[in-house]
């Protein structure tokens, strides 16, 4: 099975990495707790956005492609249930 491309999300992922690095710097510099928490919330929200986009593409492409056999459908459903339980 061909996996979908998520390269368009690289700028988002790089931005998240920058946010996390910024949080580390804020902690190191002893910044105010609320400011650190605000940055963590922003990073968490950005991660959730990337996660949702990848999940949506997975359902649209990978799950749709699996509709060719019952075994593949069952496998994809099990994968989705497992990943959603981690939330």
PDB file of N, CA and C in Angstrom:
ATOM      1  N   UNK A   1       0.843  -1.173   0.000  1.00  0.00           N
ATOM      2  CA  UNK A   1       0.000   0.000   0.000  1.00  0.00           C
ATOM      3  C   UNK A   1       0.893   1.243   0.000  1.00  0.00           C
ATOM      4  N   UNK A   2       0.517   2.217  -0.790  1.00  0.00           N
ATOM      5  CA  UNK A   2       1.226   3.492  -0.858  1.00  0.00           C
ATOM      6  C   UNK A   2       0.723   4.384   0.278  1.00  0.00           C
ATOM      7  N   UNK A   3       1.677   4.961   1.011  1.00  0.00           N
ATOM      8  CA  UNK A   3       1.315   5.841   2.117  1.00  0.00           C
ATOM      9  C   UNK A   3       1.151   7.271   1.611  1.00  0.00           C
ATOM     10  N   UNK A   4       0.195   8.019   2.170  1.00  0.00           N
ATOM     11  CA  UNK A   4      -0.015   9.399   1.734  1.00  0.00           C
ATOM     12  C   UNK A   4       1.163  10.280   2.143  1.00  0.00           C
ATOM     13  N   UNK A   5       1.327  11.350   1.418  1.00  0.00           N
ATOM     14  CA  UNK A   5       2.400  12.299   1.673  1.00  0.00           C
ATOM     15  C   UNK A   5       1.910  13.365   2.663  1.00  0.00           C
ATOM     16  N   UNK A   6       2.727  13.623   3.649  1.00  0.00           N
ATOM     17  CA  UNK A   6       2.394  14.648   4.648  1.00  0.00           C
ATOM     18  C   UNK A   6       3.417  15.778   4.643  1.00  0.00           C
ATOM     19  N   UNK A   7       4.193  15.873   3.575  1.00  0.00           N
ATOM     20  CA  UNK A   7       5.279  16.857   3.523  1.00  0.00           C
ATOM     21  C   UNK A   7       4.787  18.294   3.666  1.00  0.00           C
ATOM     22  N   UNK A   8       3.556  18.559   3.288  1.00  0.00           N
ATOM     23  CA  UNK A   8       3.028  19.916   3.415  1.00  0.00           C
ATOM     24  C   UNK A   8       2.901  20.335   4.874  1.00  0.00           C
ATOM     25  N   UNK A   9       2.997  19.378   5.796  1.00  0.00           N
ATOM     26  CA  UNK A   9       2.903  19.681   7.220  1.00  0.00           C
ATOM     27  C   UNK A   9       4.261  19.994   7.851  1.00  0.00           C
ATOM     28  N   UNK A  10       5.333  19.864   7.083  1.00  0.00           N
ATOM     29  CA  UNK A  10       6.678  20.123   7.609  1.00  0.00           C
ATOM     30  C   UNK A  10       6.799  21.533   8.199  1.00  0.00           C
ATOM     31  N   UNK A  11       6.283  22.583   7.540  1.00  0.00           N
ATOM     32  CA  UNK A  11       6.380  23.910   8.172  1.00  0.00           C
ATOM     33  C   UNK A  11       5.680  23.963   9.536  1.00  0.00           C
ATOM     34  N   UNK A  12       4.540  23.297   9.654  1.00  0.00           N
ATOM     35  CA  UNK A  12       3.826  23.244  10.934  1.00  0.00           C
ATOM     36  C   UNK A  12       4.672  22.521  11.987  1.00  0.00           C
ATOM     37  N   UNK A  13       5.270  21.416  11.588  1.00  0.00           N
ATOM     38  CA  UNK A  13       6.093  20.626  12.517  1.00  0.00           C
ATOM     39  C   UNK A  13       7.325  21.421  12.931  1.00  0.00           C
ATOM     40  N   UNK A  14       7.926  22.132  11.999  1.00  0.00           N
ATOM     41  CA  UNK A  14       9.077  22.973  12.327  1.00  0.00           C
ATOM     42  C   UNK A  14       8.688  24.093  13.286  1.00  0.00           C
ATOM     43  N   UNK A  15       7.506  24.657  13.083  1.00  0.00           N
ATOM     44  CA  UNK A  15       7.009  25.709  13.975  1.00  0.00           C
ATOM     45  C   UNK A  15       6.812  25.145  15.387  1.00  0.00           C
ATOM     46  N   UNK A  16       6.266  23.940  15.476  1.00  0.00           N
ATOM     47  CA  UNK A  16       6.068  23.287  16.775  1.00  0.00           C
ATOM     48  C   UNK A  16       7.414  23.060  17.456  1.00  0.00           C
ATOM     49  N   UNK A  17       8.395  22.586  16.694  1.00  0.00           N
ATOM     50  CA  UNK A  17       9.734  22.369  17.254  1.00  0.00           C
ATOM     51  C   UNK A  17      10.291  23.681  17.795  1.00  0.00           C
ATOM     52  N   UNK A  18      10.083  24.764  17.070  1.00  0.00           N
ATOM     53  CA  UNK A  18      10.527  26.071  17.527  1.00  0.00           C
ATOM     54  C   UNK A  18       9.825  26.496  18.806  1.00  0.00           C
ATOM     55  N   UNK A  19       8.520  26.212  18.875  1.00  0.00           N
ATOM     56  CA  UNK A  19       7.760  26.545  20.085  1.00  0.00           C
ATOM     57  C   UNK A  19       8.306  25.772  21.286  1.00  0.00           C
ATOM     58  N   UNK A  20       8.559  24.494  21.095  1.00  0.00           N
ATOM     59  CA  UNK A  20       9.063  23.654  22.189  1.00  0.00           C
ATOM     60  C   UNK A  20      10.451  24.128  22.621  1.00  0.00           C
ATOM     61  N   UNK A  21      11.307  24.447  21.648  1.00  0.00           N
ATOM     62  CA  UNK A  21      12.626  24.979  21.988  1.00  0.00           C
ATOM     63  C   UNK A  21      12.499  26.296  22.749  1.00  0.00           C
ATOM     64  N   UNK A  22      11.539  27.115  22.331  1.00  0.00           N
ATOM     65  CA  UNK A  22      11.289  28.380  23.021  1.00  0.00           C
ATOM     66  C   UNK A  22      10.842  28.167  24.454  1.00  0.00           C
ATOM     67  N   UNK A  23      10.033  27.140  24.685  1.00  0.00           N
ATOM     68  CA  UNK A  23       9.592  26.813  26.042  1.00  0.00           C
ATOM     69  C   UNK A  23      10.805  26.420  26.888  1.00  0.00           C
ATOM     70  N   UNK A  24      11.674  25.617  26.320  1.00  0.00           N
ATOM     71  CA  UNK A  24      12.884  25.227  27.045  1.00  0.00           C
ATOM     72  C   UNK A  24      13.712  26.435  27.435  1.00  0.00           C
ATOM     73  N   UNK A  25      13.831  27.380  26.518  1.00  0.00           N
ATOM     74  CA  UNK A  25      14.577  28.613  26.785  1.00  0.00           C
ATOM     75  C   UNK A  25      13.891  29.426  27.885  1.00  0.00           C
ATOM     76  N   UNK A  26      12.559  29.483  27.819  1.00  0.00           N
ATOM     77  CA  UNK A  26      11.800  30.218  28.839  1.00  0.00           C
ATOM     78  C   UNK A  26      12.021  29.610  30.221  1.00  0.00           C
ATOM     79  N   UNK A  27      12.003  28.292  30.301  1.00  0.00           N
ATOM     80  CA  UNK A  27      12.223  27.606  31.579  1.00  0.00           C
ATOM     81  C   UNK A  27      13.638  27.901  32.068  1.00  0.00           C
ATOM     82  N   UNK A  28      14.597  27.780  31.164  1.00  0.00           N
ATOM     83  CA  UNK A  28      15.998  28.028  31.508  1.00  0.00           C
ATOM     84  C   UNK A  28      16.202  29.457  32.021  1.00  0.00           C
ATOM     85  N   UNK A  29      15.470  30.395  31.451  1.00  0.00           N
ATOM     86  CA  UNK A  29      15.601  31.804  31.837  1.00  0.00           C
ATOM     87  C   UNK A  29      14.725  32.178  33.034  1.00  0.00           C
ATOM     88  N   UNK A  30      13.954  31.218  33.535  1.00  0.00           N
ATOM     89  CA  UNK A  30      13.121  31.471  34.704  1.00  0.00           C
ATOM     90  C   UNK A  30      11.939  32.393  34.428  1.00  0.00           C
ATOM     91  N   UNK A  31      11.358  32.279  33.244  1.00  0.00           N
ATOM     92  CA  UNK A  31      10.206  33.121  32.887  1.00  0.00           C
ATOM     93  C   UNK A  31       8.980  32.776  33.739  1.00  0.00           C
ATOM     94  N   UNK A  32       8.029  33.663  33.713  1.00  0.00           N
ATOM     95  CA  UNK A  32       6.793  33.538  34.497  1.00  0.00           C
ATOM     96  C   UNK A  32       6.018  32.280  34.081  1.00  0.00           C
ATOM     97  N   UNK A  33       5.516  31.567  35.073  1.00  0.00           N
ATOM     98  CA  UNK A  33       4.814  30.287  34.856  1.00  0.00           C
ATOM     99  C   UNK A  33       3.694  30.395  33.824  1.00  0.00           C
ATOM    100  N   UNK A  34       2.877  31.420  33.935  1.00  0.00           N
ATOM    101  CA  UNK A  34       1.730  31.568  33.034  1.00  0.00           C
ATOM    102  C   UNK A  34       2.198  31.762  31.592  1.00  0.00           C
ATOM    103  N   UNK A  35       3.289  32.485  31.407  1.00  0.00           N
ATOM    104  CA  UNK A  35       3.827  32.669  30.057  1.00  0.00           C
ATOM    105  C   UNK A  35       4.294  31.335  29.478  1.00  0.00           C
ATOM    106  N   UNK A  36       4.943  30.534  30.308  1.00  0.00           N
ATOM    107  CA  UNK A  36       5.389  29.205  29.862  1.00  0.00           C
ATOM    108  C   UNK A  36       4.182  28.339  29.535  1.00  0.00           C
ATOM    109  N   UNK A  37       3.190  28.356  30.411  1.00  0.00           N
ATOM    110  CA  UNK A  37       1.980  27.558  30.180  1.00  0.00           C
ATOM    111  C   UNK A  37       1.264  27.982  28.897  1.00  0.00           C
ATOM    112  N   UNK A  38       1.218  29.280  28.636  1.00  0.00           N
ATOM    113  CA  UNK A  38       0.597  29.755  27.394  1.00  0.00           C
ATOM    114  C   UNK A  38       1.319  29.212  26.173  1.00  0.00           C
ATOM    115  N   UNK A  39       2.633  29.193  26.226  1.00  0.00           N
ATOM    116  CA  UNK A  39       3.401  28.662  25.093  1.00  0.00           C
ATOM    117  C   UNK A  39       3.200  27.156  24.951  1.00  0.00           C
ATOM    118  N   UNK A  40       3.129  26.456  26.065  1.00  0.00           N
ATOM    119  CA  UNK A  40       2.859  25.015  26.012  1.00  0.00           C
ATOM    120  C   UNK A  40       1.481  24.731  25.428  1.00  0.00           C
ATOM    121  N   UNK A  41       0.486  25.528  25.823  1.00  0.00           N
ATOM    122  CA  UNK A  41      -0.868  25.364  25.271  1.00  0.00           C
ATOM    123  C   UNK A  41      -0.864  25.601  23.764  1.00  0.00           C
ATOM    124  N   UNK A  42      -0.126  26.616  23.324  1.00  0.00           N
ATOM    125  CA  UNK A  42      -0.042  26.905  21.891  1.00  0.00           C
ATOM    126  C   UNK A  42       0.601  25.739  21.148  1.00  0.00           C
ATOM    127  N   UNK A  43       1.661  25.182  21.710  1.00  0.00           N
ATOM    128  CA  UNK A  43       2.332  24.044  21.079  1.00  0.00           C
ATOM    129  C   UNK A  43       1.410  22.824  21.056  1.00  0.00           C
ATOM    130  N   UNK A  44       0.713  22.605  22.142  1.00  0.00           N
ATOM    131  CA  UNK A  44      -0.227  21.475  22.221  1.00  0.00           C
ATOM    132  C   UNK A  44      -1.333  21.614  21.177  1.00  0.00           C
ATOM    133  N   UNK A  45      -1.839  22.810  21.016  1.00  0.00           N
ATOM    134  CA  UNK A  45      -2.877  23.067  20.018  1.00  0.00           C
ATOM    135  C   UNK A  45      -2.343  22.832  18.605  1.00  0.00           C
ATOM    136  N   UNK A  46      -1.123  23.271  18.355  1.00  0.00           N
ATOM    137  CA  UNK A  46      -0.515  23.072  17.040  1.00  0.00           C
ATOM    138  C   UNK A  46      -0.299  21.585  16.756  1.00  0.00           C
ATOM    139  N   UNK A  47       0.116  20.843  17.762  1.00  0.00           N
ATOM    140  CA  UNK A  47       0.282  19.393  17.603  1.00  0.00           C
ATOM    141  C   UNK A  47      -1.063  18.749  17.300  1.00  0.00           C
ATOM    142  N   UNK A  48      -2.108  19.152  17.999  1.00  0.00           N
ATOM    143  CA  UNK A  48      -3.448  18.596  17.767  1.00  0.00           C
ATOM    144  C   UNK A  48      -3.916  18.877  16.345  1.00  0.00           C
ATOM    145  N   UNK A  49      -3.582  20.045  15.823  1.00  0.00           N
ATOM    146  CA  UNK A  49      -3.960  20.387  14.449  1.00  0.00           C
ATOM    147  C   UNK A  49      -3.253  19.481  13.448  1.00  0.00           C
ATOM    148  N   UNK A  50      -1.957  19.275  13.633  1.00  0.00           N
ATOM    149  CA  UNK A  50      -1.201  18.385  12.747  1.00  0.00           C
ATOM    150  C   UNK A  50      -1.733  16.960  12.864  1.00  0.00           C
ATOM    151  N   UNK A  51      -1.982  16.528  14.076  1.00  0.00           N
ATOM    152  CA  UNK A  51      -2.524  15.189  14.313  1.00  0.00           C
ATOM    153  C   UNK A  51      -3.854  15.003  13.585  1.00  0.00           C
ATOM    154  N   UNK A  52      -4.733  15.979  13.674  1.00  0.00           N
ATOM    155  CA  UNK A  52      -6.041  15.887  13.026  1.00  0.00           C
ATOM    156  C   UNK A  52      -5.910  15.820  11.507  1.00  0.00           C
ATOM    157  N   UNK A  53      -4.985  16.587  10.956  1.00  0.00           N
ATOM    158  CA  UNK A  53      -4.790  16.569   9.502  1.00  0.00           C
ATOM    159  C   UNK A  53      -4.262  15.215   9.033  1.00  0.00           C
ATOM    160  N   UNK A  54      -3.338  14.627   9.793  1.00  0.00           N
ATOM    161  CA  UNK A  54      -2.805  13.318   9.427  1.00  0.00           C
ATOM    162  C   UNK A  54      -3.874  12.247   9.575  1.00  0.00           C
ATOM    163  N   UNK A  55      -4.653  12.313  10.640  1.00  0.00           N
ATOM    164  CA  UNK A  55      -5.744  11.347  10.834  1.00  0.00           C
ATOM    165  C   UNK A  55      -6.771  11.459   9.717  1.00  0.00           C
ATOM    166  N   UNK A  56      -7.126  12.676   9.358  1.00  0.00           N
ATOM    167  CA  UNK A  56      -8.096  12.875   8.278  1.00  0.00           C
ATOM    168  C   UNK A  56      -7.599  12.271   6.965  1.00  0.00           C
ATOM    169  N   UNK A  57      -6.340  12.519   6.639  1.00  0.00           N
ATOM    170  CA  UNK A  57      -5.783  11.964   5.404  1.00  0.00           C
ATOM    171  C   UNK A  57      -5.714  10.437   5.480  1.00  0.00           C
ATOM    172  N   UNK A  58      -5.392   9.912   6.657  1.00  0.00           N
ATOM    173  CA  UNK A  58      -5.349   8.457   6.830  1.00  0.00           C
ATOM    174  C   UNK A  58      -6.713   7.850   6.543  1.00  0.00           C
ATOM    175  N   UNK A  59      -7.753   8.468   7.087  1.00  0.00           N
ATOM    176  CA  UNK A  59      -9.104   7.947   6.859  1.00  0.00           C
ATOM    177  C   UNK A  59      -9.490   8.084   5.395  1.00  0.00           C
ATOM    178  N   UNK A  60      -9.216   9.238   4.814  1.00  0.00           N
ATOM    179  CA  UNK A  60      -9.589   9.472   3.412  1.00  0.00           C
ATOM    180  C   UNK A  60      -8.851   8.561   2.438  1.00  0.00           C
ATOM    181  N   UNK A  61      -7.589   8.297   2.698  1.00  0.00           N
ATOM    182  CA  UNK A  61      -6.794   7.539   1.727  1.00  0.00           C
ATOM    183  C   UNK A  61      -6.530   6.102   2.157  1.00  0.00           C
ATOM    184  N   UNK A  62      -5.924   5.909   3.309  1.00  0.00           N
ATOM    185  CA  UNK A  62      -5.534   4.557   3.728  1.00  0.00           C
ATOM    186  C   UNK A  62      -6.740   3.671   4.021  1.00  0.00           C
ATOM    187  N   UNK A  63      -7.697   4.222   4.774  1.00  0.00           N
ATOM    188  CA  UNK A  63      -8.875   3.420   5.110  1.00  0.00           C
ATOM    189  C   UNK A  63      -9.696   3.152   3.853  1.00  0.00           C
ATOM    190  N   UNK A  64      -9.857   4.165   3.019  1.00  0.00           N
ATOM    191  CA  UNK A  64     -10.606   3.975   1.765  1.00  0.00           C
ATOM    192  C   UNK A  64      -9.945   2.885   0.911  1.00  0.00           C
ATOM    193  N   UNK A  65      -8.618   2.922   0.804  1.00  0.00           N
ATOM    194  CA  UNK A  65      -7.909   1.912   0.008  1.00  0.00           C
ATOM    195  C   UNK A  65      -8.077   0.505   0.581  1.00  0.00           C
ATOM    196  N   UNK A  66      -8.281   0.418   1.897  1.00  0.00           N
ATOM    197  CA  UNK A  66      -8.402  -0.894   2.533  1.00  0.00           C
ATOM    198  C   UNK A  66      -9.755  -1.546   2.277  1.00  0.00           C
ATOM    199  N   UNK A  67     -10.662  -0.822   1.690  1.00  0.00           N
ATOM    200  CA  UNK A  67     -12.016  -1.336   1.478  1.00  0.00           C
ATOM    201  C   UNK A  67     -12.077  -2.475   0.460  1.00  0.00           C
ATOM    202  N   UNK A  68     -10.941  -2.898  -0.011  1.00  0.00           N
ATOM    203  CA  UNK A  68     -10.911  -3.962  -1.018  1.00  0.00           C
ATOM    204  C   UNK A  68     -11.059  -5.356  -0.413  1.00  0.00           C
ATOM    205  N   UNK A  69     -10.739  -5.511   0.879  1.00  0.00           N
ATOM    206  CA  UNK A  69     -10.923  -6.818   1.505  1.00  0.00           C
ATOM    207  C   UNK A  69     -11.310  -6.653   2.969  1.00  0.00           C
ATOM    208  N   UNK A  70     -12.049  -7.607   3.476  1.00  0.00           N
ATOM    209  CA  UNK A  70     -12.511  -7.551   4.860  1.00  0.00           C
ATOM    210  C   UNK A  70     -11.344  -7.564   5.833  1.00  0.00           C
ATOM    211  N   UNK A  71     -10.294  -8.343   5.546  1.00  0.00           N
ATOM    212  CA  UNK A  71      -9.127  -8.388   6.431  1.00  0.00           C
ATOM    213  C   UNK A  71      -8.476  -7.020   6.547  1.00  0.00           C
ATOM    214  N   UNK A  72      -8.346  -6.323   5.420  1.00  0.00           N
ATOM    215  CA  UNK A  72      -7.741  -4.994   5.438  1.00  0.00           C
ATOM    216  C   UNK A  72      -8.618  -4.008   6.217  1.00  0.00           C
ATOM    217  N   UNK A  73      -9.912  -4.092   6.025  1.00  0.00           N
ATOM    218  CA  UNK A  73     -10.835  -3.210   6.741  1.00  0.00           C
ATOM    219  C   UNK A  73     -10.706  -3.439   8.247  1.00  0.00           C
ATOM    220  N   UNK A  74     -10.702  -4.709   8.651  1.00  0.00           N
ATOM    221  CA  UNK A  74     -10.585  -5.038  10.071  1.00  0.00           C
ATOM    222  C   UNK A  74      -9.271  -4.519  10.649  1.00  0.00           C
ATOM    223  N   UNK A  75      -8.202  -4.633   9.889  1.00  0.00           N
ATOM    224  CA  UNK A  75      -6.890  -4.140  10.327  1.00  0.00           C
ATOM    225  C   UNK A  75      -6.922  -2.632  10.517  1.00  0.00           C
ATOM    226  N   UNK A  76      -7.492  -1.913   9.557  1.00  0.00           N
ATOM    227  CA  UNK A  76      -7.550  -0.448   9.648  1.00  0.00           C
ATOM    228  C   UNK A  76      -8.428   0.003  10.804  1.00  0.00           C
ATOM    229  N   UNK A  77      -9.539  -0.693  11.019  1.00  0.00           N
ATOM    230  CA  UNK A  77     -10.413  -0.347  12.137  1.00  0.00           C
ATOM    231  C   UNK A  77      -9.673  -0.554  13.458  1.00  0.00           C
ATOM    232  N   UNK A  78      -8.957  -1.669  13.577  1.00  0.00           N
ATOM    233  CA  UNK A  78      -8.195  -1.945  14.799  1.00  0.00           C
ATOM    234  C   UNK A  78      -7.125  -0.880  15.027  1.00  0.00           C
ATOM    235  N   UNK A  79      -6.458  -0.451  13.956  1.00  0.00           N
ATOM    236  CA  UNK A  79      -5.454   0.615  14.072  1.00  0.00           C
ATOM    237  C   UNK A  79      -6.080   1.906  14.578  1.00  0.00           C
ATOM    238  N   UNK A  80      -7.215   2.275  14.001  1.00  0.00           N
ATOM    239  CA  UNK A  80      -7.894   3.508  14.411  1.00  0.00           C
ATOM    240  C   UNK A  80      -8.333   3.451  15.865  1.00  0.00           C
ATOM    241  N   UNK A  81      -8.917   2.332  16.269  1.00  0.00           N
ATOM    242  CA  UNK A  81      -9.364   2.183  17.649  1.00  0.00           C
ATOM    243  C   UNK A  81      -8.179   2.303  18.591  1.00  0.00           C
ATOM    244  N   UNK A  82      -7.069   1.674  18.267  1.00  0.00           N
ATOM    245  CA  UNK A  82      -5.876   1.706  19.114  1.00  0.00           C
ATOM    246  C   UNK A  82      -5.345   3.134  19.256  1.00  0.00           C
ATOM    247  N   UNK A  83      -5.246   3.851  18.148  1.00  0.00           N
ATOM    248  CA  UNK A  83      -4.693   5.211  18.195  1.00  0.00           C
ATOM    249  C   UNK A  83      -5.652   6.165  18.905  1.00  0.00           C
ATOM    250  N   UNK A  84      -6.955   5.988  18.728  1.00  0.00           N
ATOM    251  CA  UNK A  84      -7.928   6.862  19.381  1.00  0.00           C
ATOM    252  C   UNK A  84      -7.996   6.607  20.892  1.00  0.00           C
ATOM    253  N   UNK A  85      -7.694   5.394  21.328  1.00  0.00           N
ATOM    254  CA  UNK A  85      -7.674   5.090  22.759  1.00  0.00           C
ATOM    255  C   UNK A  85      -6.511   5.792  23.463  1.00  0.00           C
ATOM    256  N   UNK A  86      -5.471   6.135  22.722  1.00  0.00           N
ATOM    257  CA  UNK A  86      -4.309   6.809  23.309  1.00  0.00           C
ATOM    258  C   UNK A  86      -4.584   8.281  23.602  1.00  0.00           C
ATOM    259  N   UNK A  87      -5.648   8.809  23.049  1.00  0.00           N
ATOM    260  CA  UNK A  87      -5.931  10.251  23.187  1.00  0.00           C
ATOM    261  C   UNK A  87      -6.222  10.692  24.564  1.00  0.00           C
TER     262      UNK A  87
END
